[in-house]
Amino acid sequence: MTITLYGIRNCDTVKKARGWLDAKKIEYVFHDYKTAGIDTARLQHWCKELGWEILLNRAGTTFRKLPAADQQNIDARKAVALMLAQPSMIKRPVLDLGKQRLVGFKVELYERLLSAN
């Protein structure tokens, strides 16, 4: 099983998740949105699986800097377009275990999911 951690290299939460994975000697591939972007099909799949409401980071600086019109009347299609245009708006990290994905970093959840796999 290949584990992929999606995020942005300089994000504090991503740094914590990477540090935890490294400390546990869990092999993973890091996918940096800033350098590698994110493809439409993957993002749409995540939105169907997890919900765009979970993935869209409305609390982040990038979202808050949007014009008010862009922050309103968001649906799945608009959320995907926003996240594709500015991957910094995707909550992070996204841990992809192949059959399951987890958004954010919580030690308890990582422990449970990675010890089960």
PDB file of N, CA and C in Angstrom:
ATOM      1  N   MET A   1       0.851  -1.178   0.000  1.00  0.00           N
ATOM      2  CA  MET A   1       0.000   0.000   0.000  1.00  0.00           C
ATOM      3  C   MET A   1       0.898   1.243   0.000  1.00  0.00           C
ATOM      4  N   THR A   2       0.619   2.141  -0.920  1.00  0.00           N
ATOM      5  CA  THR A   2       1.332   3.408  -0.958  1.00  0.00           C
ATOM      6  C   THR A   2       0.503   4.460  -0.238  1.00  0.00           C
ATOM      7  N   ILE A   3       1.116   5.114   0.711  1.00  0.00           N
ATOM      8  CA  ILE A   3       0.475   6.192   1.449  1.00  0.00           C
ATOM      9  C   ILE A   3       0.947   7.501   0.837  1.00  0.00           C
ATOM     10  N   THR A   4      -0.001   8.390   0.560  1.00  0.00           N
ATOM     11  CA  THR A   4       0.349   9.703   0.040  1.00  0.00           C
ATOM     12  C   THR A   4      -0.192  10.760   0.984  1.00  0.00           C
ATOM     13  N   LEU A   5       0.664  11.711   1.310  1.00  0.00           N
ATOM     14  CA  LEU A   5       0.267  12.840   2.131  1.00  0.00           C
ATOM     15  C   LEU A   5       0.238  14.064   1.226  1.00  0.00           C
ATOM     16  N   TYR A   6      -0.944  14.654   1.083  1.00  0.00           N
ATOM     17  CA  TYR A   6      -1.125  15.840   0.242  1.00  0.00           C
ATOM     18  C   TYR A   6      -1.133  17.075   1.128  1.00  0.00           C
ATOM     19  N   GLY A   7      -0.451  18.110   0.667  1.00  0.00           N
ATOM     20  CA  GLY A   7      -0.438  19.344   1.428  1.00  0.00           C
ATOM     21  C   GLY A   7       0.512  20.362   0.840  1.00  0.00           C
ATOM     22  N   ILE A   8       0.931  21.275   1.685  1.00  0.00           N
ATOM     23  CA  ILE A   8       1.861  22.332   1.315  1.00  0.00           C
ATOM     24  C   ILE A   8       3.028  22.252   2.294  1.00  0.00           C
ATOM     25  N   ARG A   9       4.217  22.226   1.748  1.00  0.00           N
ATOM     26  CA  ARG A   9       5.436  21.992   2.531  1.00  0.00           C
ATOM     27  C   ARG A   9       5.557  22.886   3.764  1.00  0.00           C
ATOM     28  N   ASN A  10       5.215  24.167   3.651  1.00  0.00           N
ATOM     29  CA  ASN A  10       5.444  25.085   4.775  1.00  0.00           C
ATOM     30  C   ASN A  10       4.261  25.210   5.730  1.00  0.00           C
ATOM     31  N   CYS A  11       3.214  24.413   5.531  1.00  0.00           N
ATOM     32  CA  CYS A  11       2.050  24.424   6.422  1.00  0.00           C
ATOM     33  C   CYS A  11       2.419  23.744   7.742  1.00  0.00           C
ATOM     34  N   ASP A  12       2.128  24.397   8.863  1.00  0.00           N
ATOM     35  CA  ASP A  12       2.475  23.847  10.177  1.00  0.00           C
ATOM     36  C   ASP A  12       1.812  22.498  10.440  1.00  0.00           C
ATOM     37  N   THR A  13       0.560  22.350  10.049  1.00  0.00           N
ATOM     38  CA  THR A  13      -0.141  21.085  10.288  1.00  0.00           C
ATOM     39  C   THR A  13       0.457  19.972   9.441  1.00  0.00           C
ATOM     40  N   VAL A  14       0.836  20.293   8.224  1.00  0.00           N
ATOM     41  CA  VAL A  14       1.492  19.307   7.360  1.00  0.00           C
ATOM     42  C   VAL A  14       2.839  18.921   7.962  1.00  0.00           C
ATOM     43  N   LYS A  15       3.569  19.892   8.489  1.00  0.00           N
ATOM     44  CA  LYS A  15       4.859  19.600   9.126  1.00  0.00           C
ATOM     45  C   LYS A  15       4.673  18.637  10.303  1.00  0.00           C
ATOM     46  N   LYS A  16       3.617  18.849  11.088  1.00  0.00           N
ATOM     47  CA  LYS A  16       3.342  17.956  12.224  1.00  0.00           C
ATOM     48  C   LYS A  16       3.033  16.539  11.741  1.00  0.00           C
ATOM     49  N   ALA A  17       2.202  16.441  10.697  1.00  0.00           N
ATOM     50  CA  ALA A  17       1.838  15.125  10.160  1.00  0.00           C
ATOM     51  C   ALA A  17       3.071  14.420   9.597  1.00  0.00           C
ATOM     52  N   ARG A  18       3.889  15.149   8.853  1.00  0.00           N
ATOM     53  CA  ARG A  18       5.109  14.554   8.293  1.00  0.00           C
ATOM     54  C   ARG A  18       6.061  14.125   9.408  1.00  0.00           C
ATOM     55  N   GLY A  19       6.186  14.954  10.423  1.00  0.00           N
ATOM     56  CA  GLY A  19       7.050  14.611  11.554  1.00  0.00           C
ATOM     57  C   GLY A  19       6.581  13.347  12.254  1.00  0.00           C
ATOM     58  N   TRP A  20       5.257  13.231  12.436  1.00  0.00           N
ATOM     59  CA  TRP A  20       4.697  12.053  13.085  1.00  0.00           C
ATOM     60  C   TRP A  20       4.966  10.805  12.243  1.00  0.00           C
ATOM     61  N   LEU A  21       4.685  10.891  10.936  1.00  0.00           N
ATOM     62  CA  LEU A  21       4.921   9.757  10.038  1.00  0.00           C
ATOM     63  C   LEU A  21       6.394   9.361  10.036  1.00  0.00           C
ATOM     64  N   ASP A  22       7.273  10.357   9.987  1.00  0.00           N
ATOM     65  CA  ASP A  22       8.713  10.085   9.994  1.00  0.00           C
ATOM     66  C   ASP A  22       9.141   9.417  11.305  1.00  0.00           C
ATOM     67  N   ALA A  23       8.636   9.927  12.425  1.00  0.00           N
ATOM     68  CA  ALA A  23       8.992   9.367  13.736  1.00  0.00           C
ATOM     69  C   ALA A  23       8.533   7.915  13.868  1.00  0.00           C
ATOM     70  N   LYS A  24       7.409   7.591  13.247  1.00  0.00           N
ATOM     71  CA  LYS A  24       6.872   6.221  13.292  1.00  0.00           C
ATOM     72  C   LYS A  24       7.475   5.338  12.205  1.00  0.00           C
ATOM     73  N   LYS A  25       8.367   5.939  11.395  1.00  0.00           N
ATOM     74  CA  LYS A  25       9.016   5.229  10.289  1.00  0.00           C
ATOM     75  C   LYS A  25       7.999   4.650   9.304  1.00  0.00           C
ATOM     76  N   ILE A  26       6.968   5.428   9.045  1.00  0.00           N
ATOM     77  CA  ILE A  26       5.937   5.047   8.080  1.00  0.00           C
ATOM     78  C   ILE A  26       6.296   5.688   6.748  1.00  0.00           C
ATOM     79  N   GLU A  27       6.478   4.854   5.739  1.00  0.00           N
ATOM     80  CA  GLU A  27       6.836   5.363   4.415  1.00  0.00           C
ATOM     81  C   GLU A  27       5.620   6.007   3.761  1.00  0.00           C
ATOM     82  N   TYR A  28       5.869   7.123   3.111  1.00  0.00           N
ATOM     83  CA  TYR A  28       4.808   7.839   2.414  1.00  0.00           C
ATOM     84  C   TYR A  28       5.424   8.683   1.310  1.00  0.00           C
ATOM     85  N   VAL A  29       4.578   9.070   0.385  1.00  0.00           N
ATOM     86  CA  VAL A  29       4.953   9.997  -0.673  1.00  0.00           C
ATOM     87  C   VAL A  29       4.323  11.328  -0.314  1.00  0.00           C
ATOM     88  N   PHE A  30       5.096  12.400  -0.415  1.00  0.00           N
ATOM     89  CA  PHE A  30       4.543  13.726  -0.147  1.00  0.00           C
ATOM     90  C   PHE A  30       4.224  14.415  -1.463  1.00  0.00           C
ATOM     91  N   HIS A  31       2.980  14.867  -1.584  1.00  0.00           N
ATOM     92  CA  HIS A  31       2.517  15.582  -2.778  1.00  0.00           C
ATOM     93  C   HIS A  31       2.272  17.030  -2.377  1.00  0.00           C
ATOM     94  N   ASP A  32       3.109  17.919  -2.871  1.00  0.00           N
ATOM     95  CA  ASP A  32       3.015  19.344  -2.539  1.00  0.00           C
ATOM     96  C   ASP A  32       2.147  20.048  -3.585  1.00  0.00           C
ATOM     97  N   TYR A  33       1.013  20.576  -3.128  1.00  0.00           N
ATOM     98  CA  TYR A  33       0.110  21.293  -4.039  1.00  0.00           C
ATOM     99  C   TYR A  33       0.797  22.467  -4.722  1.00  0.00           C
ATOM    100  N   LYS A  34       1.704  23.128  -4.022  1.00  0.00           N
ATOM    101  CA  LYS A  34       2.358  24.323  -4.578  1.00  0.00           C
ATOM    102  C   LYS A  34       3.203  23.982  -5.798  1.00  0.00           C
ATOM    103  N   THR A  35       3.839  22.816  -5.784  1.00  0.00           N
ATOM    104  CA  THR A  35       4.709  22.453  -6.904  1.00  0.00           C
ATOM    105  C   THR A  35       4.046  21.492  -7.884  1.00  0.00           C
ATOM    106  N   ALA A  36       3.179  20.610  -7.393  1.00  0.00           N
ATOM    107  CA  ALA A  36       2.594  19.581  -8.255  1.00  0.00           C
ATOM    108  C   ALA A  36       1.117  19.822  -8.580  1.00  0.00           C
ATOM    109  N   GLY A  37       0.476  20.771  -7.901  1.00  0.00           N
ATOM    110  CA  GLY A  37      -0.942  21.031  -8.152  1.00  0.00           C
ATOM    111  C   GLY A  37      -1.814  19.869  -7.713  1.00  0.00           C
ATOM    112  N   ILE A  38      -3.026  19.865  -8.200  1.00  0.00           N
ATOM    113  CA  ILE A  38      -3.982  18.783  -7.925  1.00  0.00           C
ATOM    114  C   ILE A  38      -4.845  18.615  -9.164  1.00  0.00           C
ATOM    115  N   ASP A  39      -5.122  17.399  -9.539  1.00  0.00           N
ATOM    116  CA  ASP A  39      -5.914  17.199 -10.759  1.00  0.00           C
ATOM    117  C   ASP A  39      -7.407  17.201 -10.441  1.00  0.00           C
ATOM    118  N   THR A  40      -8.171  17.605 -11.422  1.00  0.00           N
ATOM    119  CA  THR A  40      -9.618  17.765 -11.281  1.00  0.00           C
ATOM    120  C   THR A  40     -10.301  16.475 -10.843  1.00  0.00           C
ATOM    121  N   ALA A  41      -9.965  15.372 -11.487  1.00  0.00           N
ATOM    122  CA  ALA A  41     -10.630  14.098 -11.180  1.00  0.00           C
ATOM    123  C   ALA A  41     -10.415  13.700  -9.722  1.00  0.00           C
ATOM    124  N   ARG A  42      -9.199  13.848  -9.237  1.00  0.00           N
ATOM    125  CA  ARG A  42      -8.903  13.474  -7.848  1.00  0.00           C
ATOM    126  C   ARG A  42      -9.695  14.361  -6.881  1.00  0.00           C
ATOM    127  N   LEU A  43      -9.681  15.666  -7.136  1.00  0.00           N
ATOM    128  CA  LEU A  43     -10.384  16.596  -6.258  1.00  0.00           C
ATOM    129  C   LEU A  43     -11.893  16.336  -6.272  1.00  0.00           C
ATOM    130  N   GLN A  44     -12.450  16.072  -7.433  1.00  0.00           N
ATOM    131  CA  GLN A  44     -13.880  15.760  -7.524  1.00  0.00           C
ATOM    132  C   GLN A  44     -14.199  14.472  -6.778  1.00  0.00           C
ATOM    133  N   HIS A  45     -13.326  13.481  -6.892  1.00  0.00           N
ATOM    134  CA  HIS A  45     -13.527  12.217  -6.165  1.00  0.00           C
ATOM    135  C   HIS A  45     -13.521  12.461  -4.656  1.00  0.00           C
ATOM    136  N   TRP A  46     -12.552  13.245  -4.196  1.00  0.00           N
ATOM    137  CA  TRP A  46     -12.482  13.558  -2.764  1.00  0.00           C
ATOM    138  C   TRP A  46     -13.744  14.269  -2.305  1.00  0.00           C
ATOM    139  N   CYS A  47     -14.238  15.200  -3.124  1.00  0.00           N
ATOM    140  CA  CYS A  47     -15.453  15.941  -2.750  1.00  0.00           C
ATOM    141  C   CYS A  47     -16.653  15.013  -2.645  1.00  0.00           C
ATOM    142  N   LYS A  48     -16.750  14.046  -3.543  1.00  0.00           N
ATOM    143  CA  LYS A  48     -17.845  13.078  -3.475  1.00  0.00           C
ATOM    144  C   LYS A  48     -17.705  12.184  -2.250  1.00  0.00           C
ATOM    145  N   GLU A  49     -16.485  11.787  -1.961  1.00  0.00           N
ATOM    146  CA  GLU A  49     -16.231  10.876  -0.842  1.00  0.00           C
ATOM    147  C   GLU A  49     -16.341  11.581   0.518  1.00  0.00           C
ATOM    148  N   LEU A  50     -15.700  12.733   0.635  1.00  0.00           N
ATOM    149  CA  LEU A  50     -15.572  13.407   1.928  1.00  0.00           C
ATOM    150  C   LEU A  50     -16.514  14.590   2.108  1.00  0.00           C
ATOM    151  N   GLY A  51     -16.949  15.169   0.988  1.00  0.00           N
ATOM    152  CA  GLY A  51     -17.773  16.374   1.015  1.00  0.00           C
ATOM    153  C   GLY A  51     -16.906  17.610   0.795  1.00  0.00           C
ATOM    154  N   TRP A  52     -17.324  18.445  -0.126  1.00  0.00           N
ATOM    155  CA  TRP A  52     -16.547  19.655  -0.421  1.00  0.00           C
ATOM    156  C   TRP A  52     -16.477  20.567   0.803  1.00  0.00           C
ATOM    157  N   GLU A  53     -17.494  20.474   1.668  1.00  0.00           N
ATOM    158  CA  GLU A  53     -17.532  21.308   2.864  1.00  0.00           C
ATOM    159  C   GLU A  53     -16.369  20.991   3.809  1.00  0.00           C
ATOM    160  N   ILE A  54     -15.943  19.733   3.815  1.00  0.00           N
ATOM    161  CA  ILE A  54     -14.807  19.304   4.631  1.00  0.00           C
ATOM    162  C   ILE A  54     -13.500  19.782   3.999  1.00  0.00           C
ATOM    163  N   LEU A  55     -13.424  19.714   2.677  1.00  0.00           N
ATOM    164  CA  LEU A  55     -12.172  19.999   1.971  1.00  0.00           C
ATOM    165  C   LEU A  55     -11.882  21.486   1.799  1.00  0.00           C
ATOM    166  N   LEU A  56     -12.898  22.298   1.657  1.00  0.00           N
ATOM    167  CA  LEU A  56     -12.678  23.726   1.410  1.00  0.00           C
ATOM    168  C   LEU A  56     -12.322  24.424   2.714  1.00  0.00           C
ATOM    169  N   ASN A  57     -11.144  25.004   2.761  1.00  0.00           N
ATOM    170  CA  ASN A  57     -10.662  25.675   3.964  1.00  0.00           C
ATOM    171  C   ASN A  57     -11.135  27.129   3.963  1.00  0.00           C
ATOM    172  N   ARG A  58     -12.290  27.344   4.543  1.00  0.00           N
ATOM    173  CA  ARG A  58     -12.866  28.700   4.598  1.00  0.00           C
ATOM    174  C   ARG A  58     -12.180  29.572   5.643  1.00  0.00           C
ATOM    175  N   ALA A  59     -11.447  28.974   6.564  1.00  0.00           N
ATOM    176  CA  ALA A  59     -10.789  29.734   7.630  1.00  0.00           C
ATOM    177  C   ALA A  59      -9.423  30.263   7.209  1.00  0.00           C
ATOM    178  N   GLY A  60      -8.905  29.768   6.098  1.00  0.00           N
ATOM    179  CA  GLY A  60      -7.565  30.149   5.671  1.00  0.00           C
ATOM    180  C   GLY A  60      -7.499  31.536   5.053  1.00  0.00           C
ATOM    181  N   THR A  61      -6.302  32.064   5.031  1.00  0.00           N
ATOM    182  CA  THR A  61      -6.053  33.401   4.483  1.00  0.00           C
ATOM    183  C   THR A  61      -6.458  33.504   3.019  1.00  0.00           C
ATOM    184  N   THR A  62      -6.154  32.476   2.236  1.00  0.00           N
ATOM    185  CA  THR A  62      -6.457  32.521   0.804  1.00  0.00           C
ATOM    186  C   THR A  62      -7.948  32.703   0.566  1.00  0.00           C
ATOM    187  N   PHE A  63      -8.764  31.954   1.300  1.00  0.00           N
ATOM    188  CA  PHE A  63     -10.217  32.079   1.138  1.00  0.00           C
ATOM    189  C   PHE A  63     -10.693  33.447   1.620  1.00  0.00           C
ATOM    190  N   ARG A  64     -10.193  33.889   2.753  1.00  0.00           N
ATOM    191  CA  ARG A  64     -10.648  35.165   3.315  1.00  0.00           C
ATOM    192  C   ARG A  64     -10.280  36.356   2.440  1.00  0.00           C
ATOM    193  N   LYS A  65      -9.254  36.205   1.610  1.00  0.00           N
ATOM    194  CA  LYS A  65      -8.847  37.290   0.712  1.00  0.00           C
ATOM    195  C   LYS A  65      -9.684  37.355  -0.563  1.00  0.00           C
ATOM    196  N   LEU A  66     -10.517  36.343  -0.784  1.00  0.00           N
ATOM    197  CA  LEU A  66     -11.375  36.338  -1.973  1.00  0.00           C
ATOM    198  C   LEU A  66     -12.386  37.481  -1.904  1.00  0.00           C
ATOM    199  N   PRO A  67     -12.806  37.980  -3.058  1.00  0.00           N
ATOM    200  CA  PRO A  67     -13.903  38.948  -3.060  1.00  0.00           C
ATOM    201  C   PRO A  67     -15.150  38.315  -2.432  1.00  0.00           C
ATOM    202  N   ALA A  68     -15.952  39.123  -1.803  1.00  0.00           N
ATOM    203  CA  ALA A  68     -17.159  38.631  -1.109  1.00  0.00           C
ATOM    204  C   ALA A  68     -18.038  37.790  -2.037  1.00  0.00           C
ATOM    205  N   ALA A  69     -18.145  38.174  -3.285  1.00  0.00           N
ATOM    206  CA  ALA A  69     -18.987  37.432  -4.234  1.00  0.00           C
ATOM    207  C   ALA A  69     -18.487  35.997  -4.415  1.00  0.00           C
ATOM    208  N   ASP A  70     -17.178  35.812  -4.391  1.00  0.00           N
ATOM    209  CA  ASP A  70     -16.620  34.472  -4.554  1.00  0.00           C
ATOM    210  C   ASP A  70     -16.786  33.618  -3.300  1.00  0.00           C
ATOM    211  N   GLN A  71     -16.982  34.257  -2.155  1.00  0.00           N
ATOM    212  CA  GLN A  71     -17.147  33.534  -0.897  1.00  0.00           C
ATOM    213  C   GLN A  71     -18.592  33.092  -0.661  1.00  0.00           C
ATOM    214  N   GLN A  72     -19.491  33.568  -1.482  1.00  0.00           N
ATOM    215  CA  GLN A  72     -20.914  33.285  -1.272  1.00  0.00           C
ATOM    216  C   GLN A  72     -21.433  32.278  -2.291  1.00  0.00           C
ATOM    217  N   ASN A  73     -22.566  31.680  -1.943  1.00  0.00           N
ATOM    218  CA  ASN A  73     -23.270  30.742  -2.829  1.00  0.00           C
ATOM    219  C   ASN A  73     -22.363  29.629  -3.345  1.00  0.00           C
ATOM    220  N   ILE A  74     -21.614  29.054  -2.444  1.00  0.00           N
ATOM    221  CA  ILE A  74     -20.692  27.990  -2.846  1.00  0.00           C
ATOM    222  C   ILE A  74     -21.432  26.664  -2.886  1.00  0.00           C
ATOM    223  N   ASP A  75     -21.233  25.967  -3.991  1.00  0.00           N
ATOM    224  CA  ASP A  75     -21.727  24.606  -4.139  1.00  0.00           C
ATOM    225  C   ASP A  75     -20.524  23.747  -4.536  1.00  0.00           C
ATOM    226  N   ALA A  76     -20.744  22.481  -4.800  1.00  0.00           N
ATOM    227  CA  ALA A  76     -19.640  21.567  -5.097  1.00  0.00           C
ATOM    228  C   ALA A  76     -18.831  22.037  -6.308  1.00  0.00           C
ATOM    229  N   ARG A  77     -19.512  22.450  -7.352  1.00  0.00           N
ATOM    230  CA  ARG A  77     -18.809  22.870  -8.568  1.00  0.00           C
ATOM    231  C   ARG A  77     -17.938  24.100  -8.310  1.00  0.00           C
ATOM    232  N   LYS A  78     -18.496  25.073  -7.608  1.00  0.00           N
ATOM    233  CA  LYS A  78     -17.741  26.298  -7.308  1.00  0.00           C
ATOM    234  C   LYS A  78     -16.581  26.000  -6.359  1.00  0.00           C
ATOM    235  N   ALA A  79     -16.809  25.131  -5.384  1.00  0.00           N
ATOM    236  CA  ALA A  79     -15.745  24.770  -4.440  1.00  0.00           C
ATOM    237  C   ALA A  79     -14.581  24.105  -5.162  1.00  0.00           C
ATOM    238  N   VAL A  80     -14.879  23.187  -6.061  1.00  0.00           N
ATOM    239  CA  VAL A  80     -13.824  22.519  -6.821  1.00  0.00           C
ATOM    240  C   VAL A  80     -13.060  23.539  -7.663  1.00  0.00           C
ATOM    241  N   ALA A  81     -13.770  24.443  -8.312  1.00  0.00           N
ATOM    242  CA  ALA A  81     -13.111  25.467  -9.137  1.00  0.00           C
ATOM    243  C   ALA A  81     -12.189  26.339  -8.284  1.00  0.00           C
ATOM    244  N   LEU A  82     -12.654  26.736  -7.108  1.00  0.00           N
ATOM    245  CA  LEU A  82     -11.827  27.556  -6.212  1.00  0.00           C
ATOM    246  C   LEU A  82     -10.571  26.801  -5.777  1.00  0.00           C
ATOM    247  N   MET A  83     -10.738  25.533  -5.397  1.00  0.00           N
ATOM    248  CA  MET A  83      -9.602  24.746  -4.919  1.00  0.00           C
ATOM    249  C   MET A  83      -8.613  24.422  -6.036  1.00  0.00           C
ATOM    250  N   LEU A  84      -9.123  24.234  -7.252  1.00  0.00           N
ATOM    251  CA  LEU A  84      -8.219  23.995  -8.383  1.00  0.00           C
ATOM    252  C   LEU A  84      -7.415  25.257  -8.703  1.00  0.00           C
ATOM    253  N   ALA A  85      -8.085  26.395  -8.650  1.00  0.00           N
ATOM    254  CA  ALA A  85      -7.417  27.666  -8.948  1.00  0.00           C
ATOM    255  C   ALA A  85      -6.395  28.017  -7.870  1.00  0.00           C
ATOM    256  N   GLN A  86      -6.713  27.690  -6.627  1.00  0.00           N
ATOM    257  CA  GLN A  86      -5.839  28.025  -5.493  1.00  0.00           C
ATOM    258  C   GLN A  86      -5.794  26.830  -4.542  1.00  0.00           C
ATOM    259  N   PRO A  87      -4.910  25.875  -4.792  1.00  0.00           N
ATOM    260  CA  PRO A  87      -4.850  24.681  -3.941  1.00  0.00           C
ATOM    261  C   PRO A  87      -4.613  24.981  -2.461  1.00  0.00           C
ATOM    262  N   SER A  88      -4.183  26.177  -2.127  1.00  0.00           N
ATOM    263  CA  SER A  88      -4.029  26.556  -0.718  1.00  0.00           C
ATOM    264  C   SER A  88      -5.374  26.533   0.002  1.00  0.00           C
ATOM    265  N   MET A  89      -6.468  26.528  -0.748  1.00  0.00           N
ATOM    266  CA  MET A  89      -7.800  26.489  -0.138  1.00  0.00           C
ATOM    267  C   MET A  89      -8.236  25.080   0.243  1.00  0.00           C
ATOM    268  N   ILE A  90      -7.430  24.077  -0.097  1.00  0.00           N
ATOM    269  CA  ILE A  90      -7.755  22.707   0.306  1.00  0.00           C
ATOM    270  C   ILE A  90      -7.257  22.514   1.741  1.00  0.00           C
ATOM    271  N   LYS A  91      -8.152  22.055   2.617  1.00  0.00           N
ATOM    272  CA  LYS A  91      -7.721  21.760   3.994  1.00  0.00           C
ATOM    273  C   LYS A  91      -6.612  20.736   3.927  1.00  0.00           C
ATOM    274  N   ARG A  92      -5.714  20.840   4.873  1.00  0.00           N
ATOM    275  CA  ARG A  92      -4.564  19.963   4.825  1.00  0.00           C
ATOM    276  C   ARG A  92      -4.139  19.545   6.230  1.00  0.00           C
ATOM    277  N   PRO A  93      -3.421  18.442   6.184  1.00  0.00           N
ATOM    278  CA  PRO A  93      -3.105  17.581   5.057  1.00  0.00           C
ATOM    279  C   PRO A  93      -4.270  16.654   4.709  1.00  0.00           C
ATOM    280  N   VAL A  94      -4.171  16.052   3.536  1.00  0.00           N
ATOM    281  CA  VAL A  94      -5.061  14.962   3.156  1.00  0.00           C
ATOM    282  C   VAL A  94      -4.181  13.724   3.120  1.00  0.00           C
ATOM    283  N   LEU A  95      -4.500  12.772   3.976  1.00  0.00           N
ATOM    284  CA  LEU A  95      -3.767  11.511   4.028  1.00  0.00           C
ATOM    285  C   LEU A  95      -4.535  10.496   3.202  1.00  0.00           C
ATOM    286  N   ASP A  96      -3.896   9.996   2.152  1.00  0.00           N
ATOM    287  CA  ASP A  96      -4.530   9.034   1.258  1.00  0.00           C
ATOM    288  C   ASP A  96      -3.937   7.657   1.510  1.00  0.00           C
ATOM    289  N   LEU A  97      -4.778   6.767   2.035  1.00  0.00           N
ATOM    290  CA  LEU A  97      -4.353   5.398   2.338  1.00  0.00           C
ATOM    291  C   LEU A  97      -4.749   4.420   1.236  1.00  0.00           C
ATOM    292  N   GLY A  98      -5.211   4.953   0.114  1.00  0.00           N
ATOM    293  CA  GLY A  98      -5.642   4.095  -0.989  1.00  0.00           C
ATOM    294  C   GLY A  98      -7.135   3.869  -0.962  1.00  0.00           C
ATOM    295  N   LYS A  99      -7.621   3.187   0.058  1.00  0.00           N
ATOM    296  CA  LYS A  99      -9.050   2.918   0.174  1.00  0.00           C
ATOM    297  C   LYS A  99      -9.760   3.931   1.062  1.00  0.00           C
ATOM    298  N   GLN A 100      -8.989   4.772   1.717  1.00  0.00           N
ATOM    299  CA  GLN A 100      -9.572   5.728   2.666  1.00  0.00           C
ATOM    300  C   GLN A 100      -8.731   6.991   2.710  1.00  0.00           C
ATOM    301  N   ARG A 101      -9.395   8.115   2.937  1.00  0.00           N
ATOM    302  CA  ARG A 101      -8.716   9.391   3.072  1.00  0.00           C
ATOM    303  C   ARG A 101      -9.110  10.058   4.381  1.00  0.00           C
ATOM    304  N   LEU A 102      -8.170  10.839   4.908  1.00  0.00           N
ATOM    305  CA  LEU A 102      -8.399  11.567   6.145  1.00  0.00           C
ATOM    306  C   LEU A 102      -7.947  13.005   5.927  1.00  0.00           C
ATOM    307  N   VAL A 103      -8.788  13.953   6.342  1.00  0.00           N
ATOM    308  CA  VAL A 103      -8.454  15.369   6.197  1.00  0.00           C
ATOM    309  C   VAL A 103      -8.063  15.916   7.562  1.00  0.00           C
ATOM    310  N   GLY A 104      -6.917  16.597   7.602  1.00  0.00           N
ATOM    311  CA  GLY A 104      -6.419  17.162   8.843  1.00  0.00           C
ATOM    312  C   GLY A 104      -5.453  16.208   9.521  1.00  0.00           C
ATOM    313  N   PHE A 105      -4.926  16.621  10.652  1.00  0.00           N
ATOM    314  CA  PHE A 105      -3.993  15.781  11.397  1.00  0.00           C
ATOM    315  C   PHE A 105      -4.407  15.714  12.849  1.00  0.00           C
ATOM    316  N   LYS A 106      -4.764  14.515  13.264  1.00  0.00           N
ATOM    317  CA  LYS A 106      -5.046  14.218  14.657  1.00  0.00           C
ATOM    318  C   LYS A 106      -4.314  12.916  14.964  1.00  0.00           C
ATOM    319  N   VAL A 107      -3.433  12.971  15.932  1.00  0.00           N
ATOM    320  CA  VAL A 107      -2.598  11.822  16.274  1.00  0.00           C
ATOM    321  C   VAL A 107      -3.440  10.573  16.488  1.00  0.00           C
ATOM    322  N   GLU A 108      -4.543  10.716  17.242  1.00  0.00           N
ATOM    323  CA  GLU A 108      -5.378   9.543  17.563  1.00  0.00           C
ATOM    324  C   GLU A 108      -5.898   8.871  16.297  1.00  0.00           C
ATOM    325  N   LEU A 109      -6.343   9.670  15.324  1.00  0.00           N
ATOM    326  CA  LEU A 109      -6.880   9.106  14.093  1.00  0.00           C
ATOM    327  C   LEU A 109      -5.780   8.464  13.258  1.00  0.00           C
ATOM    328  N   TYR A 110      -4.628   9.116  13.170  1.00  0.00           N
ATOM    329  CA  TYR A 110      -3.508   8.533  12.423  1.00  0.00           C
ATOM    330  C   TYR A 110      -3.106   7.198  13.054  1.00  0.00           C
ATOM    331  N   GLU A 111      -3.017   7.179  14.381  1.00  0.00           N
ATOM    332  CA  GLU A 111      -2.655   5.938  15.088  1.00  0.00           C
ATOM    333  C   GLU A 111      -3.642   4.828  14.729  1.00  0.00           C
ATOM    334  N   ARG A 112      -4.923   5.139  14.833  1.00  0.00           N
ATOM    335  CA  ARG A 112      -5.954   4.134  14.598  1.00  0.00           C
ATOM    336  C   ARG A 112      -5.946   3.639  13.138  1.00  0.00           C
ATOM    337  N   LEU A 113      -5.888   4.596  12.198  1.00  0.00           N
ATOM    338  CA  LEU A 113      -5.932   4.215  10.791  1.00  0.00           C
ATOM    339  C   LEU A 113      -4.681   3.488  10.337  1.00  0.00           C
ATOM    340  N   LEU A 114      -3.539   3.940  10.790  1.00  0.00           N
ATOM    341  CA  LEU A 114      -2.300   3.338  10.300  1.00  0.00           C
ATOM    342  C   LEU A 114      -1.945   2.050  11.024  1.00  0.00           C
ATOM    343  N   SER A 115      -2.470   1.833  12.193  1.00  0.00           N
ATOM    344  CA  SER A 115      -2.241   0.545  12.855  1.00  0.00           C
ATOM    345  C   SER A 115      -3.215  -0.498  12.317  1.00  0.00           C
ATOM    346  N   ALA A 116      -4.336  -0.046  11.735  1.00  0.00           N
ATOM    347  CA  ALA A 116      -5.323  -0.969  11.169  1.00  0.00           C
ATOM    348  C   ALA A 116      -4.922  -1.432   9.780  1.00  0.00           C
ATOM    349  N   ASN A 117      -4.021  -0.688   9.123  1.00  0.00           N
ATOM    350  CA  ASN A 117      -3.633  -1.019   7.741  1.00  0.00           C
ATOM    351  C   ASN A 117      -2.342  -1.789   7.685  1.00  0.00           C
TER     352      ASN A 117
END
